Amino acid sequence: MDQPAASIAIFRAGTHTSTDGRTISFSEDAVRELAETYDPAIAEAPLVVGHPKIDAPAYGWAKSLRAEGGVLYAEPHQVEPQFAELVNAGRYKKISSKIYLPNSKGNPKP
């Protein structure tokens, strides 16, 4: 179940609209900071389908994040094989990331 996987682009620098309708801009430096401050030992990001209320069930996890050219990449691990097959078959074409701002309620590492 924990086989190596290619990194996937999960977020890009630019202007985004949050689920509560706020428009927020992220610079390349902000994207780099997201990667640098990600700590799966504190709060490992789940790979989920949709936007479940409690981020469950998880079909895998983000082992690490890295930034390159304003793009945030996740290295997935512990991915359910059936989920990986569906993703690789193009069944889930869009990716959305949950980003905690420094003052966000519930931010595990403000």
PDB file of N, CA and C in Angstrom:
ATOM      1  N   MET A   1       0.809  -1.197   0.000  1.00  0.00           N
ATOM      2  CA  MET A   1       0.000   0.000   0.000  1.00  0.00           C
ATOM      3  C   MET A   1       0.855   1.266   0.000  1.00  0.00           C
ATOM      4  N   ASP A   2       2.092   1.218   0.475  1.00  0.00           N
ATOM      5  CA  ASP A   2       2.939   2.404   0.534  1.00  0.00           C
ATOM      6  C   ASP A   2       3.981   2.368  -0.578  1.00  0.00           C
ATOM      7  N   GLN A   3       3.535   2.281  -1.820  1.00  0.00           N
ATOM      8  CA  GLN A   3       4.466   2.256  -2.932  1.00  0.00           C
ATOM      9  C   GLN A   3       4.787   3.675  -3.375  1.00  0.00           C
ATOM     10  N   PRO A   4       5.982   3.917  -3.925  1.00  0.00           N
ATOM     11  CA  PRO A   4       6.369   5.252  -4.347  1.00  0.00           C
ATOM     12  C   PRO A   4       5.404   5.784  -5.402  1.00  0.00           C
ATOM     13  N   ALA A   5       5.107   7.068  -5.299  1.00  0.00           N
ATOM     14  CA  ALA A   5       4.215   7.719  -6.258  1.00  0.00           C
ATOM     15  C   ALA A   5       4.865   9.002  -6.733  1.00  0.00           C
ATOM     16  N   ALA A   6       4.499   9.411  -7.917  1.00  0.00           N
ATOM     17  CA  ALA A   6       5.008  10.664  -8.450  1.00  0.00           C
ATOM     18  C   ALA A   6       4.355  11.826  -7.713  1.00  0.00           C
ATOM     19  N   SER A   7       5.071  12.924  -7.584  1.00  0.00           N
ATOM     20  CA  SER A   7       4.497  14.114  -6.973  1.00  0.00           C
ATOM     21  C   SER A   7       3.371  14.643  -7.845  1.00  0.00           C
ATOM     22  N   ILE A   8       2.383  15.243  -7.194  1.00  0.00           N
ATOM     23  CA  ILE A   8       1.259  15.817  -7.934  1.00  0.00           C
ATOM     24  C   ILE A   8       1.135  17.302  -7.592  1.00  0.00           C
ATOM     25  N   ALA A   9       0.849  18.104  -8.604  1.00  0.00           N
ATOM     26  CA  ALA A   9       0.638  19.535  -8.392  1.00  0.00           C
ATOM     27  C   ALA A   9      -0.708  19.721  -7.704  1.00  0.00           C
ATOM     28  N   ILE A  10      -0.695  20.393  -6.539  1.00  0.00           N
ATOM     29  CA  ILE A  10      -1.927  20.550  -5.779  1.00  0.00           C
ATOM     30  C   ILE A  10      -2.357  22.001  -5.607  1.00  0.00           C
ATOM     31  N   PHE A  11      -1.483  22.964  -5.967  1.00  0.00           N
ATOM     32  CA  PHE A  11      -1.813  24.374  -5.747  1.00  0.00           C
ATOM     33  C   PHE A  11      -0.843  25.220  -6.556  1.00  0.00           C
ATOM     34  N   ARG A  12      -1.294  26.406  -6.963  1.00  0.00           N
ATOM     35  CA  ARG A  12      -0.453  27.327  -7.735  1.00  0.00           C
ATOM     36  C   ARG A  12      -0.542  28.736  -7.165  1.00  0.00           C
ATOM     37  N   ALA A  13       0.540  29.481  -7.299  1.00  0.00           N
ATOM     38  CA  ALA A  13       0.513  30.894  -6.933  1.00  0.00           C
ATOM     39  C   ALA A  13      -0.548  31.574  -7.789  1.00  0.00           C
ATOM     40  N   GLY A  14      -1.160  32.604  -7.237  1.00  0.00           N
ATOM     41  CA  GLY A  14      -2.190  33.335  -7.973  1.00  0.00           C
ATOM     42  C   GLY A  14      -3.332  33.703  -7.040  1.00  0.00           C
ATOM     43  N   THR A  15      -4.428  34.138  -7.635  1.00  0.00           N
ATOM     44  CA  THR A  15      -5.593  34.549  -6.870  1.00  0.00           C
ATOM     45  C   THR A  15      -6.602  33.417  -6.871  1.00  0.00           C
ATOM     46  N   HIS A  16      -7.078  33.078  -5.666  1.00  0.00           N
ATOM     47  CA  HIS A  16      -8.003  31.962  -5.485  1.00  0.00           C
ATOM     48  C   HIS A  16      -9.200  32.428  -4.664  1.00  0.00           C
ATOM     49  N   THR A  17     -10.325  31.740  -4.809  1.00  0.00           N
ATOM     50  CA  THR A  17     -11.517  32.039  -4.029  1.00  0.00           C
ATOM     51  C   THR A  17     -11.728  30.920  -3.019  1.00  0.00           C
ATOM     52  N   SER A  18     -11.826  31.288  -1.747  1.00  0.00           N
ATOM     53  CA  SER A  18     -12.017  30.307  -0.680  1.00  0.00           C
ATOM     54  C   SER A  18     -13.454  29.803  -0.675  1.00  0.00           C
ATOM     55  N   THR A  19     -13.690  28.748   0.084  1.00  0.00           N
ATOM     56  CA  THR A  19     -15.035  28.167   0.143  1.00  0.00           C
ATOM     57  C   THR A  19     -16.042  29.138   0.753  1.00  0.00           C
ATOM     58  N   ASP A  20     -15.565  30.121   1.529  1.00  0.00           N
ATOM     59  CA  ASP A  20     -16.490  31.105   2.091  1.00  0.00           C
ATOM     60  C   ASP A  20     -16.588  32.361   1.228  1.00  0.00           C
ATOM     61  N   GLY A  21     -16.023  32.305   0.008  1.00  0.00           N
ATOM     62  CA  GLY A  21     -16.176  33.390  -0.961  1.00  0.00           C
ATOM     63  C   GLY A  21     -15.109  34.469  -0.931  1.00  0.00           C
ATOM     64  N   ARG A  22     -14.140  34.368  -0.026  1.00  0.00           N
ATOM     65  CA  ARG A  22     -13.067  35.369   0.012  1.00  0.00           C
ATOM     66  C   ARG A  22     -12.093  35.147  -1.130  1.00  0.00           C
ATOM     67  N   THR A  23     -11.612  36.258  -1.710  1.00  0.00           N
ATOM     68  CA  THR A  23     -10.589  36.195  -2.746  1.00  0.00           C
ATOM     69  C   THR A  23      -9.240  36.448  -2.081  1.00  0.00           C
ATOM     70  N   ILE A  24      -8.313  35.499  -2.269  1.00  0.00           N
ATOM     71  CA  ILE A  24      -7.014  35.570  -1.601  1.00  0.00           C
ATOM     72  C   ILE A  24      -5.921  35.338  -2.640  1.00  0.00           C
ATOM     73  N   SER A  25      -4.889  36.175  -2.600  1.00  0.00           N
ATOM     74  CA  SER A  25      -3.765  36.026  -3.522  1.00  0.00           C
ATOM     75  C   SER A  25      -2.576  35.406  -2.813  1.00  0.00           C
ATOM     76  N   PHE A  26      -1.897  34.499  -3.520  1.00  0.00           N
ATOM     77  CA  PHE A  26      -0.716  33.814  -3.005  1.00  0.00           C
ATOM     78  C   PHE A  26       0.441  34.060  -3.969  1.00  0.00           C
ATOM     79  N   SER A  27       1.526  34.607  -3.442  1.00  0.00           N
ATOM     80  CA  SER A  27       2.728  34.829  -4.246  1.00  0.00           C
ATOM     81  C   SER A  27       3.532  33.528  -4.314  1.00  0.00           C
ATOM     82  N   GLU A  28       4.561  33.524  -5.158  1.00  0.00           N
ATOM     83  CA  GLU A  28       5.457  32.369  -5.205  1.00  0.00           C
ATOM     84  C   GLU A  28       6.130  32.169  -3.849  1.00  0.00           C
ATOM     85  N   ASP A  29       6.464  33.266  -3.167  1.00  0.00           N
ATOM     86  CA  ASP A  29       7.066  33.154  -1.835  1.00  0.00           C
ATOM     87  C   ASP A  29       6.097  32.501  -0.850  1.00  0.00           C
ATOM     88  N   ALA A  30       4.816  32.835  -0.945  1.00  0.00           N
ATOM     89  CA  ALA A  30       3.813  32.241  -0.060  1.00  0.00           C
ATOM     90  C   ALA A  30       3.692  30.744  -0.325  1.00  0.00           C
ATOM     91  N   VAL A  31       3.749  30.350  -1.583  1.00  0.00           N
ATOM     92  CA  VAL A  31       3.683  28.925  -1.928  1.00  0.00           C
ATOM     93  C   VAL A  31       4.907  28.198  -1.379  1.00  0.00           C
ATOM     94  N   ARG A  32       6.074  28.820  -1.498  1.00  0.00           N
ATOM     95  CA  ARG A  32       7.293  28.226  -0.946  1.00  0.00           C
ATOM     96  C   ARG A  32       7.170  28.080   0.575  1.00  0.00           C
ATOM     97  N   GLU A  33       6.586  29.082   1.239  1.00  0.00           N
ATOM     98  CA  GLU A  33       6.403  29.025   2.689  1.00  0.00           C
ATOM     99  C   GLU A  33       5.440  27.898   3.076  1.00  0.00           C
ATOM    100  N   LEU A  34       4.399  27.665   2.269  1.00  0.00           N
ATOM    101  CA  LEU A  34       3.489  26.542   2.531  1.00  0.00           C
ATOM    102  C   LEU A  34       4.269  25.230   2.552  1.00  0.00           C
ATOM    103  N   ALA A  35       5.154  25.056   1.574  1.00  0.00           N
ATOM    104  CA  ALA A  35       5.947  23.826   1.503  1.00  0.00           C
ATOM    105  C   ALA A  35       6.904  23.722   2.685  1.00  0.00           C
ATOM    106  N   GLU A  36       7.551  24.826   3.022  1.00  0.00           N
ATOM    107  CA  GLU A  36       8.552  24.813   4.091  1.00  0.00           C
ATOM    108  C   GLU A  36       7.939  24.581   5.474  1.00  0.00           C
ATOM    109  N   THR A  37       6.711  25.012   5.682  1.00  0.00           N
ATOM    110  CA  THR A  37       6.100  24.894   7.009  1.00  0.00           C
ATOM    111  C   THR A  37       5.244  23.645   7.154  1.00  0.00           C
ATOM    112  N   TYR A  38       5.050  22.895   6.082  1.00  0.00           N
ATOM    113  CA  TYR A  38       4.251  21.669   6.190  1.00  0.00           C
ATOM    114  C   TYR A  38       4.984  20.657   7.064  1.00  0.00           C
ATOM    115  N   ASP A  39       4.279  20.155   8.053  1.00  0.00           N
ATOM    116  CA  ASP A  39       4.888  19.190   8.968  1.00  0.00           C
ATOM    117  C   ASP A  39       3.892  18.055   9.206  1.00  0.00           C
ATOM    118  N   PRO A  40       4.045  16.942   8.491  1.00  0.00           N
ATOM    119  CA  PRO A  40       3.099  15.840   8.656  1.00  0.00           C
ATOM    120  C   PRO A  40       3.098  15.235  10.058  1.00  0.00           C
ATOM    121  N   ALA A  41       4.147  15.482  10.844  1.00  0.00           N
ATOM    122  CA  ALA A  41       4.160  14.990  12.216  1.00  0.00           C
ATOM    123  C   ALA A  41       3.142  15.743  13.073  1.00  0.00           C
ATOM    124  N   ILE A  42       2.818  16.974  12.688  1.00  0.00           N
ATOM    125  CA  ILE A  42       1.835  17.781  13.421  1.00  0.00           C
ATOM    126  C   ILE A  42       0.434  17.566  12.850  1.00  0.00           C
ATOM    127  N   ALA A  43       0.310  17.631  11.540  1.00  0.00           N
ATOM    128  CA  ALA A  43      -0.992  17.464  10.889  1.00  0.00           C
ATOM    129  C   ALA A  43      -0.757  16.984   9.464  1.00  0.00           C
ATOM    130  N   GLU A  44      -0.867  15.682   9.258  1.00  0.00           N
ATOM    131  CA  GLU A  44      -0.654  15.096   7.937  1.00  0.00           C
ATOM    132  C   GLU A  44      -1.887  15.344   7.078  1.00  0.00           C
ATOM    133  N   ALA A  45      -1.694  15.896   5.887  1.00  0.00           N
ATOM    134  CA  ALA A  45      -2.802  16.229   5.002  1.00  0.00           C
ATOM    135  C   ALA A  45      -3.364  14.970   4.338  1.00  0.00           C
ATOM    136  N   PRO A  46      -4.681  14.756   4.472  1.00  0.00           N
ATOM    137  CA  PRO A  46      -5.298  13.582   3.849  1.00  0.00           C
ATOM    138  C   PRO A  46      -5.597  13.817   2.378  1.00  0.00           C
ATOM    139  N   LEU A  47      -5.611  12.745   1.606  1.00  0.00           N
ATOM    140  CA  LEU A  47      -6.087  12.788   0.219  1.00  0.00           C
ATOM    141  C   LEU A  47      -7.525  12.295   0.271  1.00  0.00           C
ATOM    142  N   VAL A  48      -8.462  13.175  -0.044  1.00  0.00           N
ATOM    143  CA  VAL A  48      -9.878  12.855   0.066  1.00  0.00           C
ATOM    144  C   VAL A  48     -10.583  13.166  -1.240  1.00  0.00           C
ATOM    145  N   VAL A  49     -11.813  12.708  -1.357  1.00  0.00           N
ATOM    146  CA  VAL A  49     -12.652  13.009  -2.521  1.00  0.00           C
ATOM    147  C   VAL A  49     -13.666  14.057  -2.088  1.00  0.00           C
ATOM    148  N   GLY A  50     -13.708  15.165  -2.795  1.00  0.00           N
ATOM    149  CA  GLY A  50     -14.653  16.215  -2.446  1.00  0.00           C
ATOM    150  C   GLY A  50     -14.160  17.025  -1.267  1.00  0.00           C
ATOM    151  N   HIS A  51     -15.083  17.674  -0.610  1.00  0.00           N
ATOM    152  CA  HIS A  51     -14.766  18.490   0.559  1.00  0.00           C
ATOM    153  C   HIS A  51     -15.574  17.984   1.749  1.00  0.00           C
ATOM    154  N   PRO A  52     -15.231  16.805   2.237  1.00  0.00           N
ATOM    155  CA  PRO A  52     -15.971  16.289   3.387  1.00  0.00           C
ATOM    156  C   PRO A  52     -15.786  17.179   4.613  1.00  0.00           C
ATOM    157  N   LYS A  53     -16.778  17.178   5.478  1.00  0.00           N
ATOM    158  CA  LYS A  53     -16.742  18.042   6.660  1.00  0.00           C
ATOM    159  C   LYS A  53     -15.553  17.756   7.560  1.00  0.00           C
ATOM    160  N   ILE A  54     -15.148  16.503   7.657  1.00  0.00           N
ATOM    161  CA  ILE A  54     -14.038  16.171   8.561  1.00  0.00           C
ATOM    162  C   ILE A  54     -12.842  15.575   7.817  1.00  0.00           C
ATOM    163  N   ASP A  55     -12.754  15.844   6.519  1.00  0.00           N
ATOM    164  CA  ASP A  55     -11.623  15.361   5.714  1.00  0.00           C
ATOM    165  C   ASP A  55     -11.465  13.852   5.805  1.00  0.00           C
ATOM    166  N   ALA A  56     -12.578  13.133   5.690  1.00  0.00           N
ATOM    167  CA  ALA A  56     -12.544  11.678   5.784  1.00  0.00           C
ATOM    168  C   ALA A  56     -13.540  11.077   4.806  1.00  0.00           C
ATOM    169  N   PRO A  57     -13.373   9.912   4.323  1.00  0.00           N
ATOM    170  CA  PRO A  57     -12.216   9.077   4.634  1.00  0.00           C
ATOM    171  C   PRO A  57     -11.007   9.497   3.801  1.00  0.00           C
ATOM    172  N   ALA A  58      -9.844   9.217   4.320  1.00  0.00           N
ATOM    173  CA  ALA A  58      -8.611   9.493   3.595  1.00  0.00           C
ATOM    174  C   ALA A  58      -8.266   8.281   2.740  1.00  0.00           C
ATOM    175  N   TYR A  59      -7.917   8.539   1.473  1.00  0.00           N
ATOM    176  CA  TYR A  59      -7.499   7.474   0.558  1.00  0.00           C
ATOM    177  C   TYR A  59      -5.985   7.448   0.387  1.00  0.00           C
ATOM    178  N   GLY A  60      -5.319   8.325   1.118  1.00  0.00           N
ATOM    179  CA  GLY A  60      -3.867   8.432   1.106  1.00  0.00           C
ATOM    180  C   GLY A  60      -3.483   9.671   1.893  1.00  0.00           C
ATOM    181  N   TRP A  61      -2.200   9.960   1.908  1.00  0.00           N
ATOM    182  CA  TRP A  61      -1.682  11.071   2.704  1.00  0.00           C
ATOM    183  C   TRP A  61      -0.589  11.807   1.955  1.00  0.00           C
ATOM    184  N   ALA A  62      -0.386  13.077   2.288  1.00  0.00           N
ATOM    185  CA  ALA A  62       0.704  13.866   1.719  1.00  0.00           C
ATOM    186  C   ALA A  62       1.930  13.695   2.612  1.00  0.00           C
ATOM    187  N   LYS A  63       2.894  12.945   2.122  1.00  0.00           N
ATOM    188  CA  LYS A  63       4.123  12.672   2.890  1.00  0.00           C
ATOM    189  C   LYS A  63       4.968  13.933   3.032  1.00  0.00           C
ATOM    190  N   SER A  64       5.033  14.713   1.955  1.00  0.00           N
ATOM    191  CA  SER A  64       5.819  15.949   1.969  1.00  0.00           C
ATOM    192  C   SER A  64       5.270  16.895   0.908  1.00  0.00           C
ATOM    193  N   LEU A  65       5.663  18.166   1.032  1.00  0.00           N
ATOM    194  CA  LEU A  65       5.315  19.183   0.037  1.00  0.00           C
ATOM    195  C   LEU A  65       6.596  19.846  -0.427  1.00  0.00           C
ATOM    196  N   ARG A  66       6.592  20.285  -1.678  1.00  0.00           N
ATOM    197  CA  ARG A  66       7.714  21.076  -2.193  1.00  0.00           C
ATOM    198  C   ARG A  66       7.155  22.119  -3.143  1.00  0.00           C
ATOM    199  N   ALA A  67       7.853  23.227  -3.252  1.00  0.00           N
ATOM    200  CA  ALA A  67       7.449  24.307  -4.152  1.00  0.00           C
ATOM    201  C   ALA A  67       8.467  24.435  -5.268  1.00  0.00           C
ATOM    202  N   GLU A  68       7.956  24.660  -6.451  1.00  0.00           N
ATOM    203  CA  GLU A  68       8.820  24.818  -7.622  1.00  0.00           C
ATOM    204  C   GLU A  68       8.120  25.725  -8.616  1.00  0.00           C
ATOM    205  N   GLY A  69       8.716  26.898  -8.874  1.00  0.00           N
ATOM    206  CA  GLY A  69       8.141  27.815  -9.852  1.00  0.00           C
ATOM    207  C   GLY A  69       6.722  28.255  -9.522  1.00  0.00           C
ATOM    208  N   GLY A  70       6.434  28.444  -8.241  1.00  0.00           N
ATOM    209  CA  GLY A  70       5.106  28.892  -7.841  1.00  0.00           C
ATOM    210  C   GLY A  70       4.060  27.794  -7.791  1.00  0.00           C
ATOM    211  N   VAL A  71       4.484  26.555  -7.962  1.00  0.00           N
ATOM    212  CA  VAL A  71       3.571  25.417  -7.903  1.00  0.00           C
ATOM    213  C   VAL A  71       3.907  24.591  -6.672  1.00  0.00           C
ATOM    214  N   LEU A  72       2.863  24.194  -5.944  1.00  0.00           N
ATOM    215  CA  LEU A  72       3.025  23.362  -4.759  1.00  0.00           C
ATOM    216  C   LEU A  72       2.760  21.913  -5.152  1.00  0.00           C
ATOM    217  N   TYR A  73       3.715  21.050  -4.852  1.00  0.00           N
ATOM    218  CA  TYR A  73       3.615  19.629  -5.170  1.00  0.00           C
ATOM    219  C   TYR A  73       3.538  18.812  -3.885  1.00  0.00           C
ATOM    220  N   ALA A  74       2.723  17.771  -3.912  1.00  0.00           N
ATOM    221  CA  ALA A  74       2.632  16.839  -2.789  1.00  0.00           C
ATOM    222  C   ALA A  74       3.194  15.496  -3.221  1.00  0.00           C
ATOM    223  N   GLU A  75       3.900  14.857  -2.309  1.00  0.00           N
ATOM    224  CA  GLU A  75       4.350  13.488  -2.522  1.00  0.00           C
ATOM    225  C   GLU A  75       3.367  12.589  -1.778  1.00  0.00           C
ATOM    226  N   PRO A  76       2.494  11.901  -2.508  1.00  0.00           N
ATOM    227  CA  PRO A  76       1.515  11.051  -1.834  1.00  0.00           C
ATOM    228  C   PRO A  76       2.149   9.757  -1.329  1.00  0.00           C
ATOM    229  N   HIS A  77       1.572   9.205  -0.247  1.00  0.00           N
ATOM    230  CA  HIS A  77       2.000   7.895   0.231  1.00  0.00           C
ATOM    231  C   HIS A  77       0.826   7.232   0.940  1.00  0.00           C
ATOM    232  N   GLN A  78       0.960   5.965   1.181  1.00  0.00           N
ATOM    233  CA  GLN A  78      -0.105   5.153   1.767  1.00  0.00           C
ATOM    234  C   GLN A  78      -1.420   5.328   0.992  1.00  0.00           C
ATOM    235  N   VAL A  79      -1.314   5.330  -0.331  1.00  0.00           N
ATOM    236  CA  VAL A  79      -2.481   5.530  -1.187  1.00  0.00           C
ATOM    237  C   VAL A  79      -3.181   4.192  -1.434  1.00  0.00           C
ATOM    238  N   GLU A  80      -4.493   4.199  -1.253  1.00  0.00           N
ATOM    239  CA  GLU A  80      -5.285   3.001  -1.536  1.00  0.00           C
ATOM    240  C   GLU A  80      -5.159   2.669  -3.024  1.00  0.00           C
ATOM    241  N   PRO A  81      -4.787   1.447  -3.378  1.00  0.00           N
ATOM    242  CA  PRO A  81      -4.587   1.086  -4.789  1.00  0.00           C
ATOM    243  C   PRO A  81      -5.810   1.356  -5.671  1.00  0.00           C
ATOM    244  N   GLN A  82      -7.002   1.092  -5.182  1.00  0.00           N
ATOM    245  CA  GLN A  82      -8.204   1.320  -5.992  1.00  0.00           C
ATOM    246  C   GLN A  82      -8.402   2.814  -6.262  1.00  0.00           C
ATOM    247  N   PHE A  83      -8.094   3.650  -5.284  1.00  0.00           N
ATOM    248  CA  PHE A  83      -8.186   5.094  -5.467  1.00  0.00           C
ATOM    249  C   PHE A  83      -7.175   5.558  -6.503  1.00  0.00           C
ATOM    250  N   ALA A  84      -5.942   5.054  -6.412  1.00  0.00           N
ATOM    251  CA  ALA A  84      -4.902   5.410  -7.382  1.00  0.00           C
ATOM    252  C   ALA A  84      -5.329   5.027  -8.800  1.00  0.00           C
ATOM    253  N   GLU A  85      -5.950   3.876  -8.938  1.00  0.00           N
ATOM    254  CA  GLU A  85      -6.432   3.440 -10.261  1.00  0.00           C
ATOM    255  C   GLU A  85      -7.478   4.405 -10.808  1.00  0.00           C
ATOM    256  N   LEU A  86      -8.408   4.842  -9.968  1.00  0.00           N
ATOM    257  CA  LEU A  86      -9.437   5.785 -10.402  1.00  0.00           C
ATOM    258  C   LEU A  86      -8.832   7.125 -10.789  1.00  0.00           C
ATOM    259  N   VAL A  87      -7.880   7.606  -9.996  1.00  0.00           N
ATOM    260  CA  VAL A  87      -7.208   8.872 -10.312  1.00  0.00           C
ATOM    261  C   VAL A  87      -6.462   8.744 -11.634  1.00  0.00           C
ATOM    262  N   ASN A  88      -5.700   7.666 -11.798  1.00  0.00           N
ATOM    263  CA  ASN A  88      -4.925   7.459 -13.020  1.00  0.00           C
ATOM    264  C   ASN A  88      -5.814   7.285 -14.242  1.00  0.00           C
ATOM    265  N   ALA A  89      -7.043   6.810 -14.036  1.00  0.00           N
ATOM    266  CA  ALA A  89      -7.991   6.637 -15.144  1.00  0.00           C
ATOM    267  C   ALA A  89      -8.716   7.941 -15.484  1.00  0.00           C
ATOM    268  N   GLY A  90      -8.423   9.013 -14.726  1.00  0.00           N
ATOM    269  CA  GLY A  90      -9.029  10.307 -15.024  1.00  0.00           C
ATOM    270  C   GLY A  90     -10.401  10.517 -14.407  1.00  0.00           C
ATOM    271  N   ARG A  91     -10.774   9.704 -13.429  1.00  0.00           N
ATOM    272  CA  ARG A  91     -12.096   9.829 -12.803  1.00  0.00           C
ATOM    273  C   ARG A  91     -12.202  11.075 -11.917  1.00  0.00           C
ATOM    274  N   TYR A  92     -11.069  11.563 -11.421  1.00  0.00           N
ATOM    275  CA  TYR A  92     -11.035  12.784 -10.613  1.00  0.00           C
ATOM    276  C   TYR A  92     -10.087  13.753 -11.293  1.00  0.00           C
ATOM    277  N   LYS A  93     -10.630  14.715 -12.014  1.00  0.00           N
ATOM    278  CA  LYS A  93      -9.795  15.593 -12.825  1.00  0.00           C
ATOM    279  C   LYS A  93      -9.394  16.889 -12.123  1.00  0.00           C
ATOM    280  N   LYS A  94     -10.097  17.260 -11.084  1.00  0.00           N
ATOM    281  CA  LYS A  94      -9.809  18.533 -10.419  1.00  0.00           C
ATOM    282  C   LYS A  94      -9.199  18.277  -9.042  1.00  0.00           C
ATOM    283  N   ILE A  95      -8.300  19.171  -8.656  1.00  0.00           N
ATOM    284  CA  ILE A  95      -7.660  19.082  -7.356  1.00  0.00           C
ATOM    285  C   ILE A  95      -7.916  20.381  -6.619  1.00  0.00           C
ATOM    286  N   SER A  96      -8.260  20.285  -5.367  1.00  0.00           N
ATOM    287  CA  SER A  96      -8.489  21.439  -4.516  1.00  0.00           C
ATOM    288  C   SER A  96      -7.687  21.229  -3.244  1.00  0.00           C
ATOM    289  N   SER A  97      -7.069  22.278  -2.761  1.00  0.00           N
ATOM    290  CA  SER A  97      -6.255  22.180  -1.556  1.00  0.00           C
ATOM    291  C   SER A  97      -6.864  23.002  -0.435  1.00  0.00           C
ATOM    292  N   LYS A  98      -6.802  22.482   0.758  1.00  0.00           N
ATOM    293  CA  LYS A  98      -7.228  23.215   1.944  1.00  0.00           C
ATOM    294  C   LYS A  98      -5.988  23.909   2.474  1.00  0.00           C
ATOM    295  N   ILE A  99      -6.008  25.238   2.450  1.00  0.00           N
ATOM    296  CA  ILE A  99      -4.862  26.035   2.883  1.00  0.00           C
ATOM    297  C   ILE A  99      -5.236  26.781   4.159  1.00  0.00           C
ATOM    298  N   TYR A 100      -4.417  26.634   5.184  1.00  0.00           N
ATOM    299  CA  TYR A 100      -4.611  27.394   6.416  1.00  0.00           C
ATOM    300  C   TYR A 100      -3.803  28.678   6.325  1.00  0.00           C
ATOM    301  N   LEU A 101      -4.469  29.818   6.492  1.00  0.00           N
ATOM    302  CA  LEU A 101      -3.758  31.084   6.618  1.00  0.00           C
ATOM    303  C   LEU A 101      -3.233  31.174   8.055  1.00  0.00           C
ATOM    304  N   PRO A 102      -2.262  32.046   8.319  1.00  0.00           N
ATOM    305  CA  PRO A 102      -1.694  32.110   9.663  1.00  0.00           C
ATOM    306  C   PRO A 102      -2.739  32.290  10.775  1.00  0.00           C
ATOM    307  N   ASN A 103      -3.804  33.050  10.501  1.00  0.00           N
ATOM    308  CA  ASN A 103      -4.817  33.297  11.519  1.00  0.00           C
ATOM    309  C   ASN A 103      -6.070  32.429  11.349  1.00  0.00           C
ATOM    310  N   SER A 104      -6.000  31.398  10.504  1.00  0.00           N
ATOM    311  CA  SER A 104      -7.152  30.524  10.291  1.00  0.00           C
ATOM    312  C   SER A 104      -7.478  29.726  11.539  1.00  0.00           C
ATOM    313  N   LYS A 105      -8.773  29.621  11.837  1.00  0.00           N
ATOM    314  CA  LYS A 105      -9.203  28.786  12.963  1.00  0.00           C
ATOM    315  C   LYS A 105      -8.801  27.346  12.658  1.00  0.00           C
ATOM    316  N   GLY A 106      -8.222  26.681  13.633  1.00  0.00           N
ATOM    317  CA  GLY A 106      -7.827  25.297  13.449  1.00  0.00           C
ATOM    318  C   GLY A 106      -6.480  25.082  12.794  1.00  0.00           C
ATOM    319  N   ASN A 107      -5.765  26.167  12.477  1.00  0.00           N
ATOM    320  CA  ASN A 107      -4.440  26.033  11.863  1.00  0.00           C
ATOM    321  C   ASN A 107      -3.530  25.263  12.820  1.00  0.00           C
ATOM    322  N   PRO A 108      -3.044  24.089  12.379  1.00  0.00           N
ATOM    323  CA  PRO A 108      -2.207  23.281  13.273  1.00  0.00           C
ATOM    324  C   PRO A 108      -0.812  23.852  13.503  1.00  0.00           C
ATOM    325  N   LYS A 109      -0.394  24.800  12.648  1.00  0.00           N
ATOM    326  CA  LYS A 109       0.956  25.364  12.789  1.00  0.00           C
ATOM    327  C   LYS A 109       0.939  26.815  12.308  1.00  0.00           C
ATOM    328  N   PRO A 110       0.319  27.723  13.120  1.00  0.00           N
ATOM    329  CA  PRO A 110       0.183  29.133  12.667  1.00  0.00           C
ATOM    330  C   PRO A 110       1.516  29.837  12.502  1.00  0.00           C
TER     331      PRO A 110
END
